């Protein structure tokens, strides 16, 4: 599961970068007013990336806590 989470984390980061580049290119070629709303998808992808990273760190800390609790008993 750890490998899957890391792959999906990088997937969201890659998708945010790709969407940003495409939307920026299309904004310059076709007009910013038409493509400005698509930056919401960039922000959504970045939010999912940071949320996933935060949750992975949180889960690692929780697993360490459980191991610590198990060794005390």
PDB file of N, CA and C in Angstrom:
ATOM      1  N   UNK A   1       0.814  -1.189   0.000  1.00  0.00           N
ATOM      2  CA  UNK A   1       0.000   0.000   0.000  1.00  0.00           C
ATOM      3  C   UNK A   1       0.864   1.261   0.000  1.00  0.00           C
ATOM      4  N   UNK A   2       2.041   1.166   0.590  1.00  0.00           N
ATOM      5  CA  UNK A   2       2.919   2.325   0.658  1.00  0.00           C
ATOM      6  C   UNK A   2       3.401   2.737  -0.742  1.00  0.00           C
ATOM      7  N   UNK A   3       3.688   1.751  -1.580  1.00  0.00           N
ATOM      8  CA  UNK A   3       4.139   2.041  -2.947  1.00  0.00           C
ATOM      9  C   UNK A   3       3.007   2.677  -3.747  1.00  0.00           C
ATOM     10  N   UNK A   4       1.799   2.148  -3.576  1.00  0.00           N
ATOM     11  CA  UNK A   4       0.636   2.696  -4.268  1.00  0.00           C
ATOM     12  C   UNK A   4       0.413   4.163  -3.879  1.00  0.00           C
ATOM     13  N   UNK A   5       0.497   4.446  -2.595  1.00  0.00           N
ATOM     14  CA  UNK A   5       0.297   5.826  -2.135  1.00  0.00           C
ATOM     15  C   UNK A   5       1.350   6.766  -2.699  1.00  0.00           C
ATOM     16  N   UNK A   6       2.587   6.321  -2.766  1.00  0.00           N
ATOM     17  CA  UNK A   6       3.654   7.161  -3.310  1.00  0.00           C
ATOM     18  C   UNK A   6       3.440   7.400  -4.812  1.00  0.00           C
ATOM     19  N   UNK A   7       3.040   6.358  -5.529  1.00  0.00           N
ATOM     20  CA  UNK A   7       2.780   6.499  -6.970  1.00  0.00           C
ATOM     21  C   UNK A   7       1.624   7.467  -7.209  1.00  0.00           C
ATOM     22  N   UNK A   8       0.554   7.335  -6.444  1.00  0.00           N
ATOM     23  CA  UNK A   8      -0.591   8.223  -6.621  1.00  0.00           C
ATOM     24  C   UNK A   8      -0.257   9.655  -6.230  1.00  0.00           C
ATOM     25  N   UNK A   9       0.606   9.819  -5.248  1.00  0.00           N
ATOM     26  CA  UNK A   9       1.033  11.154  -4.859  1.00  0.00           C
ATOM     27  C   UNK A   9       1.765  11.833  -6.012  1.00  0.00           C
ATOM     28  N   UNK A  10       2.677  11.112  -6.621  1.00  0.00           N
ATOM     29  CA  UNK A  10       3.398  11.675  -7.770  1.00  0.00           C
ATOM     30  C   UNK A  10       2.489  11.859  -8.977  1.00  0.00           C
ATOM     31  N   UNK A  11       1.494  10.998  -9.124  1.00  0.00           N
ATOM     32  CA  UNK A  11       0.528  11.161 -10.206  1.00  0.00           C
ATOM     33  C   UNK A  11      -0.190  12.504 -10.096  1.00  0.00           C
ATOM     34  N   UNK A  12      -0.639  12.864  -8.885  1.00  0.00           N
ATOM     35  CA  UNK A  12      -1.351  14.125  -8.708  1.00  0.00           C
ATOM     36  C   UNK A  12      -0.436  15.314  -8.925  1.00  0.00           C
ATOM     37  N   UNK A  13       0.812  15.204  -8.512  1.00  0.00           N
ATOM     38  CA  UNK A  13       1.756  16.289  -8.758  1.00  0.00           C
ATOM     39  C   UNK A  13       2.026  16.438 -10.254  1.00  0.00           C
ATOM     40  N   UNK A  14       2.226  15.322 -10.940  1.00  0.00           N
ATOM     41  CA  UNK A  14       2.452  15.343 -12.381  1.00  0.00           C
ATOM     42  C   UNK A  14       1.238  15.904 -13.114  1.00  0.00           C
ATOM     43  N   UNK A  15       0.039  15.508 -12.699  1.00  0.00           N
ATOM     44  CA  UNK A  15      -1.155  16.020 -13.371  1.00  0.00           C
ATOM     45  C   UNK A  15      -1.318  17.517 -13.140  1.00  0.00           C
ATOM     46  N   UNK A  16      -0.977  18.004 -11.952  1.00  0.00           N
ATOM     47  CA  UNK A  16      -1.070  19.443 -11.689  1.00  0.00           C
ATOM     48  C   UNK A  16      -0.110  20.220 -12.585  1.00  0.00           C
ATOM     49  N   UNK A  17       1.107  19.726 -12.719  1.00  0.00           N
ATOM     50  CA  UNK A  17       2.099  20.403 -13.570  1.00  0.00           C
ATOM     51  C   UNK A  17       1.664  20.367 -15.028  1.00  0.00           C
ATOM     52  N   UNK A  18       1.192  19.217 -15.475  1.00  0.00           N
ATOM     53  CA  UNK A  18       0.766  19.074 -16.870  1.00  0.00           C
ATOM     54  C   UNK A  18      -0.420  19.973 -17.179  1.00  0.00           C
ATOM     55  N   UNK A  19      -1.410  19.973 -16.310  1.00  0.00           N
ATOM     56  CA  UNK A  19      -2.588  20.820 -16.532  1.00  0.00           C
ATOM     57  C   UNK A  19      -2.184  22.291 -16.525  1.00  0.00           C
ATOM     58  N   UNK A  20      -1.292  22.672 -15.621  1.00  0.00           N
ATOM     59  CA  UNK A  20      -0.834  24.057 -15.570  1.00  0.00           C
ATOM     60  C   UNK A  20      -0.164  24.462 -16.885  1.00  0.00           C
ATOM     61  N   UNK A  21       0.705  23.614 -17.397  1.00  0.00           N
ATOM     62  CA  UNK A  21       1.392  23.941 -18.651  1.00  0.00           C
ATOM     63  C   UNK A  21       0.422  24.034 -19.822  1.00  0.00           C
ATOM     64  N   UNK A  22      -0.506  23.107 -19.905  1.00  0.00           N
ATOM     65  CA  UNK A  22      -1.467  23.115 -21.017  1.00  0.00           C
ATOM     66  C   UNK A  22      -2.379  24.339 -20.941  1.00  0.00           C
ATOM     67  N   UNK A  23      -2.896  24.624 -19.754  1.00  0.00           N
ATOM     68  CA  UNK A  23      -3.810  25.765 -19.604  1.00  0.00           C
ATOM     69  C   UNK A  23      -3.074  27.074 -19.858  1.00  0.00           C
ATOM     70  N   UNK A  24      -1.840  27.173 -19.411  1.00  0.00           N
ATOM     71  CA  UNK A  24      -1.067  28.392 -19.651  1.00  0.00           C
ATOM     72  C   UNK A  24      -0.804  28.577 -21.145  1.00  0.00           C
ATOM     73  N   UNK A  25      -0.429  27.501 -21.828  1.00  0.00           N
ATOM     74  CA  UNK A  25      -0.197  27.583 -23.273  1.00  0.00           C
ATOM     75  C   UNK A  25      -1.478  27.995 -24.012  1.00  0.00           C
ATOM     76  N   UNK A  26      -2.593  27.350 -23.649  1.00  0.00           N
ATOM     77  CA  UNK A  26      -3.847  27.670 -24.316  1.00  0.00           C
ATOM     78  C   UNK A  26      -4.301  29.097 -23.978  1.00  0.00           C
ATOM     79  N   UNK A  27      -3.975  29.574 -22.802  1.00  0.00           N
ATOM     80  CA  UNK A  27      -4.327  30.951 -22.432  1.00  0.00           C
ATOM     81  C   UNK A  27      -3.600  31.954 -23.310  1.00  0.00           C
ATOM     82  N   UNK A  28      -2.338  31.664 -23.602  1.00  0.00           N
ATOM     83  CA  UNK A  28      -1.579  32.584 -24.452  1.00  0.00           C
ATOM     84  C   UNK A  28      -2.009  32.509 -25.909  1.00  0.00           C
ATOM     85  N   UNK A  29      -2.429  31.331 -26.361  1.00  0.00           N
ATOM     86  CA  UNK A  29      -2.792  31.206 -27.768  1.00  0.00           C
ATOM     87  C   UNK A  29      -4.227  31.622 -28.062  1.00  0.00           C
ATOM     88  N   UNK A  30      -5.169  31.288 -27.157  1.00  0.00           N
ATOM     89  CA  UNK A  30      -6.580  31.555 -27.445  1.00  0.00           C
ATOM     90  C   UNK A  30      -7.196  32.668 -26.609  1.00  0.00           C
ATOM     91  N   UNK A  31      -6.483  33.122 -25.632  1.00  0.00           N
ATOM     92  CA  UNK A  31      -7.014  34.194 -24.786  1.00  0.00           C
ATOM     93  C   UNK A  31      -7.180  33.738 -23.349  1.00  0.00           C
ATOM     94  N   UNK A  32      -6.744  34.592 -22.457  1.00  0.00           N
ATOM     95  CA  UNK A  32      -6.749  34.239 -21.041  1.00  0.00           C
ATOM     96  C   UNK A  32      -8.172  34.145 -20.473  1.00  0.00           C
ATOM     97  N   UNK A  33      -9.062  34.989 -20.945  1.00  0.00           N
ATOM     98  CA  UNK A  33     -10.431  34.998 -20.420  1.00  0.00           C
ATOM     99  C   UNK A  33     -11.148  33.676 -20.652  1.00  0.00           C
ATOM    100  N   UNK A  34     -10.828  33.006 -21.734  1.00  0.00           N
ATOM    101  CA  UNK A  34     -11.483  31.740 -22.055  1.00  0.00           C
ATOM    102  C   UNK A  34     -10.943  30.585 -21.214  1.00  0.00           C
ATOM    103  N   UNK A  35      -9.662  30.605 -20.848  1.00  0.00           N
ATOM    104  CA  UNK A  35      -9.022  29.468 -20.187  1.00  0.00           C
ATOM    105  C   UNK A  35      -8.696  29.694 -18.710  1.00  0.00           C
ATOM    106  N   UNK A  36      -8.987  30.855 -18.182  1.00  0.00           N
ATOM    107  CA  UNK A  36      -8.624  31.157 -16.794  1.00  0.00           C
ATOM    108  C   UNK A  36      -9.331  30.245 -15.799  1.00  0.00           C
ATOM    109  N   UNK A  37     -10.528  29.820 -16.103  1.00  0.00           N
ATOM    110  CA  UNK A  37     -11.300  28.998 -15.175  1.00  0.00           C
ATOM    111  C   UNK A  37     -10.717  27.596 -15.015  1.00  0.00           C
ATOM    112  N   UNK A  38      -9.904  27.158 -15.942  1.00  0.00           N
ATOM    113  CA  UNK A  38      -9.328  25.816 -15.870  1.00  0.00           C
ATOM    114  C   UNK A  38      -8.193  25.716 -14.850  1.00  0.00           C
ATOM    115  N   UNK A  39      -7.757  26.834 -14.326  1.00  0.00           N
ATOM    116  CA  UNK A  39      -6.745  26.791 -13.267  1.00  0.00           C
ATOM    117  C   UNK A  39      -7.315  26.179 -11.978  1.00  0.00           C
ATOM    118  N   UNK A  40      -8.617  26.087 -11.896  1.00  0.00           N
ATOM    119  CA  UNK A  40      -9.247  25.413 -10.760  1.00  0.00           C
ATOM    120  C   UNK A  40      -8.797  23.951 -10.708  1.00  0.00           C
ATOM    121  N   UNK A  41      -8.640  23.327 -11.859  1.00  0.00           N
ATOM    122  CA  UNK A  41      -8.191  21.936 -11.899  1.00  0.00           C
ATOM    123  C   UNK A  41      -6.753  21.800 -11.408  1.00  0.00           C
ATOM    124  N   UNK A  42      -5.942  22.801 -11.686  1.00  0.00           N
ATOM    125  CA  UNK A  42      -4.565  22.802 -11.177  1.00  0.00           C
ATOM    126  C   UNK A  42      -4.585  22.879  -9.658  1.00  0.00           C
ATOM    127  N   UNK A  43      -5.385  23.789  -9.129  1.00  0.00           N
ATOM    128  CA  UNK A  43      -5.479  23.934  -7.678  1.00  0.00           C
ATOM    129  C   UNK A  43      -6.044  22.679  -7.022  1.00  0.00           C
ATOM    130  N   UNK A  44      -7.009  22.042  -7.670  1.00  0.00           N
ATOM    131  CA  UNK A  44      -7.574  20.807  -7.135  1.00  0.00           C
ATOM    132  C   UNK A  44      -6.535  19.695  -7.108  1.00  0.00           C
ATOM    133  N   UNK A  45      -5.772  19.553  -8.170  1.00  0.00           N
ATOM    134  CA  UNK A  45      -4.731  18.524  -8.214  1.00  0.00           C
ATOM    135  C   UNK A  45      -3.653  18.778  -7.167  1.00  0.00           C
ATOM    136  N   UNK A  46      -3.263  20.029  -6.995  1.00  0.00           N
ATOM    137  CA  UNK A  46      -2.278  20.353  -5.958  1.00  0.00           C
ATOM    138  C   UNK A  46      -2.834  20.094  -4.560  1.00  0.00           C
ATOM    139  N   UNK A  47      -4.104  20.398  -4.364  1.00  0.00           N
ATOM    140  CA  UNK A  47      -4.722  20.143  -3.060  1.00  0.00           C
ATOM    141  C   UNK A  47      -4.749  18.648  -2.752  1.00  0.00           C
ATOM    142  N   UNK A  48      -5.068  17.840  -3.741  1.00  0.00           N
ATOM    143  CA  UNK A  48      -5.083  16.385  -3.536  1.00  0.00           C
ATOM    144  C   UNK A  48      -3.669  15.880  -3.264  1.00  0.00           C
ATOM    145  N   UNK A  49      -2.671  16.419  -3.970  1.00  0.00           N
ATOM    146  CA  UNK A  49      -1.284  16.019  -3.732  1.00  0.00           C
ATOM    147  C   UNK A  49      -0.859  16.337  -2.295  1.00  0.00           C
ATOM    148  N   UNK A  50      -1.119  17.560  -1.832  1.00  0.00           N
ATOM    149  CA  UNK A  50      -0.712  17.932  -0.477  1.00  0.00           C
ATOM    150  C   UNK A  50      -1.516  17.174   0.586  1.00  0.00           C
ATOM    151  N   UNK A  51      -2.787  16.929   0.316  1.00  0.00           N
ATOM    152  CA  UNK A  51      -3.597  16.156   1.240  1.00  0.00           C
ATOM    153  C   UNK A  51      -3.081  14.725   1.342  1.00  0.00           C
ATOM    154  N   UNK A  52      -2.738  14.147   0.218  1.00  0.00           N
ATOM    155  CA  UNK A  52      -2.221  12.774   0.202  1.00  0.00           C
ATOM    156  C   UNK A  52      -0.888  12.696   0.935  1.00  0.00           C
ATOM    157  N   UNK A  53      -0.008  13.668   0.711  1.00  0.00           N
ATOM    158  CA  UNK A  53       1.280  13.696   1.400  1.00  0.00           C
ATOM    159  C   UNK A  53       1.083  13.831   2.903  1.00  0.00           C
ATOM    160  N   UNK A  54       0.192  14.728   3.305  1.00  0.00           N
ATOM    161  CA  UNK A  54      -0.079  14.925   4.722  1.00  0.00           C
ATOM    162  C   UNK A  54      -0.646  13.662   5.363  1.00  0.00           C
ATOM    163  N   UNK A  55      -1.574  12.998   4.669  1.00  0.00           N
ATOM    164  CA  UNK A  55      -2.181  11.790   5.218  1.00  0.00           C
ATOM    165  C   UNK A  55      -1.169  10.638   5.294  1.00  0.00           C
ATOM    166  N   UNK A  56      -0.250  10.553   4.346  1.00  0.00           N
ATOM    167  CA  UNK A  56       0.780   9.510   4.401  1.00  0.00           C
ATOM    168  C   UNK A  56       1.679   9.712   5.614  1.00  0.00           C
ATOM    169  N   UNK A  57       2.075  10.949   5.873  1.00  0.00           N
ATOM    170  CA  UNK A  57       2.904  11.233   7.051  1.00  0.00           C
ATOM    171  C   UNK A  57       2.141  10.943   8.334  1.00  0.00           C
ATOM    172  N   UNK A  58       0.876  11.318   8.341  1.00  0.00           N
ATOM    173  CA  UNK A  58       0.039  11.074   9.514  1.00  0.00           C
ATOM    174  C   UNK A  58      -0.110   9.575   9.777  1.00  0.00           C
ATOM    175  N   UNK A  59      -0.294   8.797   8.715  1.00  0.00           N
ATOM    176  CA  UNK A  59      -0.438   7.347   8.867  1.00  0.00           C
ATOM    177  C   UNK A  59       0.867   6.716   9.358  1.00  0.00           C
ATOM    178  N   UNK A  60       2.000   7.199   8.877  1.00  0.00           N
ATOM    179  CA  UNK A  60       3.294   6.689   9.352  1.00  0.00           C
ATOM    180  C   UNK A  60       3.467   6.959  10.848  1.00  0.00           C
ATOM    181  N   UNK A  61       3.110   8.161  11.282  1.00  0.00           N
ATOM    182  CA  UNK A  61       3.200   8.476  12.717  1.00  0.00           C
ATOM    183  C   UNK A  61       2.262   7.598  13.533  1.00  0.00           C
ATOM    184  N   UNK A  62       1.075   7.336  13.008  1.00  0.00           N
ATOM    185  CA  UNK A  62       0.118   6.490  13.715  1.00  0.00           C
ATOM    186  C   UNK A  62       0.626   5.050  13.815  1.00  0.00           C
ATOM    187  N   UNK A  63       1.208   4.552  12.737  1.00  0.00           N
ATOM    188  CA  UNK A  63       1.766   3.194  12.770  1.00  0.00           C
ATOM    189  C   UNK A  63       2.909   3.092  13.775  1.00  0.00           C
ATOM    190  N   UNK A  64       3.754   4.105  13.855  1.00  0.00           N
ATOM    191  CA  UNK A  64       4.818   4.118  14.859  1.00  0.00           C
ATOM    192  C   UNK A  64       4.245   4.134  16.269  1.00  0.00           C
ATOM    193  N   UNK A  65       3.180   4.901  16.469  1.00  0.00           N
ATOM    194  CA  UNK A  65       2.523   4.945  17.767  1.00  0.00           C
ATOM    195  C   UNK A  65       1.971   3.572  18.143  1.00  0.00           C
ATOM    196  N   UNK A  66       1.348   2.889  17.180  1.00  0.00           N
ATOM    197  CA  UNK A  66       0.798   1.568  17.465  1.00  0.00           C
ATOM    198  C   UNK A  66       1.891   0.559  17.799  1.00  0.00           C
ATOM    199  N   UNK A  67       3.024   0.628  17.086  1.00  0.00           N
ATOM    200  CA  UNK A  67       4.143  -0.269  17.384  1.00  0.00           C
ATOM    201  C   UNK A  67       4.691   0.009  18.782  1.00  0.00           C
ATOM    202  N   UNK A  68       4.784   1.279  19.122  1.00  0.00           N
ATOM    203  CA  UNK A  68       5.266   1.668  20.450  1.00  0.00           C
ATOM    204  C   UNK A  68       4.331   1.175  21.540  1.00  0.00           C
ATOM    205  N   UNK A  69       3.046   1.319  21.300  1.00  0.00           N
ATOM    206  CA  UNK A  69       2.043   0.882  22.258  1.00  0.00           C
ATOM    207  C   UNK A  69       2.075  -0.637  22.431  1.00  0.00           C
ATOM    208  N   UNK A  70       2.331  -1.344  21.340  1.00  0.00           N
ATOM    209  CA  UNK A  70       2.374  -2.808  21.384  1.00  0.00           C
ATOM    210  C   UNK A  70       3.595  -3.295  22.166  1.00  0.00           C
ATOM    211  N   UNK A  71       4.715  -2.616  22.037  1.00  0.00           N
ATOM    212  CA  UNK A  71       5.930  -3.054  22.738  1.00  0.00           C
ATOM    213  C   UNK A  71       5.850  -2.747  24.235  1.00  0.00           C
ATOM    214  N   UNK A  72       5.064  -1.756  24.630  1.00  0.00           N
ATOM    215  CA  UNK A  72       4.917  -1.427  26.049  1.00  0.00           C
ATOM    216  C   UNK A  72       4.139  -2.514  26.782  1.00  0.00           C
ATOM    217  N   UNK A  73       3.144  -3.067  26.151  1.00  0.00           N
ATOM    218  CA  UNK A  73       2.309  -4.113  26.788  1.00  0.00           C
ATOM    219  C   UNK A  73       3.014  -5.386  26.913  1.00  0.00           C
TER     220      UNK A  73
END
